[in-house]
C-alpha atoms as a PDB file:
ATOM      1  CA  MET A   1     -20.906 -13.840  17.833  1.00  0.00           C
ATOM      2  CA  LEU A   2     -17.010 -12.735  19.125  1.00  0.00           C
ATOM      3  CA  ASN A   3     -13.974 -13.156  17.430  1.00  0.00           C
ATOM      4  CA  ASP A   4     -11.421 -13.358  20.535  1.00  0.00           C
ATOM      5  CA  VAL A   5      -9.260 -15.637  22.579  1.00  0.00           C
ATOM      6  CA  ARG A   6      -9.545 -16.277  26.198  1.00  0.00           C
ATOM      7  CA  ILE A   7      -7.817 -18.201  28.537  1.00  0.00           C
ATOM      8  CA  TYR A   8      -9.121 -19.899  31.844  1.00  0.00           C
ATOM      9  CA  ASP A   9      -6.621 -19.117  34.870  1.00  0.00           C
ATOM     10  CA  ILE A  10      -7.311 -22.174  37.152  1.00  0.00           C
ATOM     11  CA  GLU A  11      -5.343 -20.784  40.231  1.00  0.00           C
ATOM     12  CA  ASN A  12      -7.157 -17.322  39.949  1.00  0.00           C
ATOM     13  CA  VAL A  13     -10.689 -18.937  38.944  1.00  0.00           C
ATOM     14  CA  SER A  14     -11.208 -16.269  36.187  1.00  0.00           C
ATOM     15  CA  TRP A  15     -11.061 -15.611  32.347  1.00  0.00           C
ATOM     16  CA  HIS A  16      -8.366 -13.146  30.637  1.00  0.00           C
ATOM     17  CA  THR A  17      -8.581 -11.993  27.094  1.00  0.00           C
ATOM     18  CA  VAL A  18      -5.585 -12.655  25.143  1.00  0.00           C
ATOM     19  CA  LEU A  19      -6.268 -11.318  21.668  1.00  0.00           C
ATOM     20  CA  ASP A  20      -8.954  -9.001  20.925  1.00  0.00           C
ATOM     21  CA  VAL A  21      -9.261  -9.333  17.477  1.00  0.00           C
ATOM     22  CA  LYS A  22     -11.088  -5.941  16.553  1.00  0.00           C
ATOM     23  CA  HIS A  23      -7.920  -3.936  18.269  1.00  0.00           C
ATOM     24  CA  GLN A  24      -5.416  -6.631  16.352  1.00  0.00           C
ATOM     25  CA  LYS A  25      -6.923  -5.374  12.873  1.00  0.00           C
ATOM     26  CA  ILE A  26      -6.777  -1.804  13.710  1.00  0.00           C
ATOM     27  CA  VAL A  27      -3.123  -2.401  15.409  1.00  0.00           C
ATOM     28  CA  GLU A  28      -1.975  -4.713  12.072  1.00  0.00           C
ATOM     29  CA  SER A  29      -3.499  -1.697   9.405  1.00  0.00           C
ATOM     30  CA  PHE A  30      -1.217   0.953  10.754  1.00  0.00           C
ATOM     31  CA  ILE A  31       2.232  -0.950  11.495  1.00  0.00           C
ATOM     32  CA  ILE A  32       2.002  -3.692   9.047  1.00  0.00           C
ATOM     33  CA  GLY A  33      -0.180  -2.266   6.020  1.00  0.00           C
ATOM     34  CA  GLU A  34      -2.161  -5.499   5.474  1.00  0.00           C
ATOM     35  CA  PRO A  35      -4.037  -7.591   7.987  1.00  0.00           C
ATOM     36  CA  LEU A  36      -2.687 -10.963   9.361  1.00  0.00           C
ATOM     37  CA  PRO A  37      -4.806 -14.098   8.689  1.00  0.00           C
ATOM     38  CA  LEU A  38      -7.635 -14.589  11.506  1.00  0.00           C
ATOM     39  CA  PRO A  39     -10.473 -17.156  11.685  1.00  0.00           C
ATOM     40  CA  SER A  40     -13.776 -15.828  11.228  1.00  0.00           C
ATOM     41  CA  PRO A  41     -16.146 -15.409  13.956  1.00  0.00           C
ATOM     42  CA  ARG A  42     -17.797 -18.523  15.105  1.00  0.00           C
ATOM     43  CA  PHE A  43     -19.510 -20.807  17.677  1.00  0.00           C
ATOM     44  CA  GLY A  44     -20.056 -24.560  18.482  1.00  0.00           C
ATOM     45  CA  HIS A  45     -16.271 -25.382  17.037  1.00  0.00           C
ATOM     46  CA  VAL A  46     -13.855 -27.560  18.850  1.00  0.00           C
ATOM     47  CA  ALA A  47     -10.707 -26.267  19.990  1.00  0.00           C
ATOM     48  CA  TRP A  48      -8.058 -28.569  21.603  1.00  0.00           C
ATOM     49  CA  TYR A  49      -4.417 -27.559  22.933  1.00  0.00           C
ATOM     50  CA  ILE A  50      -1.550 -29.100  20.778  1.00  0.00           C
ATOM     51  CA  GLY A  51       1.508 -28.736  22.483  1.00  0.00           C
ATOM     52  CA  LYS A  52       4.435 -26.217  21.970  1.00  0.00           C
ATOM     53  CA  ASN A  53       2.070 -23.363  23.428  1.00  0.00           C
ATOM     54  CA  ARG A  54      -0.413 -24.154  20.450  1.00  0.00           C
ATOM     55  CA  MET A  55      -4.064 -24.375  20.359  1.00  0.00           C
ATOM     56  CA  MET A  56      -5.857 -25.905  17.168  1.00  0.00           C
ATOM     57  CA  ILE A  57      -9.778 -25.057  16.171  1.00  0.00           C
ATOM     58  CA  HIS A  58     -11.863 -26.531  13.682  1.00  0.00           C
ATOM     59  CA  GLY A  59     -15.369 -26.188  12.089  1.00  0.00           C
ATOM     60  CA  GLY A  60     -18.320 -24.593  14.101  1.00  0.00           C
ATOM     61  CA  ARG A  61     -20.790 -22.083  12.570  1.00  0.00           C
ATOM     62  CA  GLY A  62     -20.387 -18.888  11.282  1.00  0.00           C
ATOM     63  CA  GLU A  63     -22.776 -15.995  10.518  1.00  0.00           C
ATOM     64  CA  ARG A  64     -26.263 -16.611   9.897  1.00  0.00           C
ATOM     65  CA  GLY A  65     -25.618 -20.240  11.027  1.00  0.00           C
ATOM     66  CA  LYS A  66     -23.435 -21.139   8.059  1.00  0.00           C
ATOM     67  CA  ILE A  67     -21.172 -24.426   8.339  1.00  0.00           C
ATOM     68  CA  LEU A  68     -17.449 -24.023   8.564  1.00  0.00           C
ATOM     69  CA  ASN A  69     -15.398 -26.769   7.753  1.00  0.00           C
ATOM     70  CA  ASP A  70     -11.838 -24.712   8.292  1.00  0.00           C
ATOM     71  CA  THR A  71      -8.800 -25.534  10.794  1.00  0.00           C
ATOM     72  CA  TRP A  72      -6.877 -22.818  12.603  1.00  0.00           C
ATOM     73  CA  VAL A  73      -3.569 -22.899  14.973  1.00  0.00           C
ATOM     74  CA  TYR A  74      -3.399 -20.032  17.272  1.00  0.00           C
ATOM     75  CA  HIS A  75       0.509 -19.514  18.271  1.00  0.00           C
ATOM     76  CA  MET A  76       0.314 -18.228  21.641  1.00  0.00           C
ATOM     77  CA  VAL A  77       3.859 -17.263  21.696  1.00  0.00           C
ATOM     78  CA  THR A  78       3.687 -14.837  19.051  1.00  0.00           C
ATOM     79  CA  ASN A  79      -0.299 -14.007  19.354  1.00  0.00           C
ATOM     80  CA  THR A  80      -0.843 -15.136  15.392  1.00  0.00           C
ATOM     81  CA  TRP A  81      -3.113 -17.575  13.653  1.00  0.00           C
ATOM     82  CA  GLU A  82      -2.220 -20.036  11.182  1.00  0.00           C
ATOM     83  CA  LEU A  83      -4.605 -21.771   8.637  1.00  0.00           C
ATOM     84  CA  ILE A  84      -3.911 -25.311   7.950  1.00  0.00           C
ATOM     85  CA  SER A  85      -5.231 -26.855   4.644  1.00  0.00           C
END
């Protein structure tokens, strides 16, 4: 199960990795001293563009098929996640 963000480039017909969570966690631990909030790895979730360079994800299944019911917003400009309660 992956925990990364990819964008599909329609013009070049290719995928690009935007956020590699493993790399982000390593960088944050050295620079900030505490990790930023990140959604857990998942599959079967829904994702949609909500405008203003933001994407929302909800639910899906996590490790061992655990049902997830959380909602996150990915801010494309700042490359950060926000948990929506």
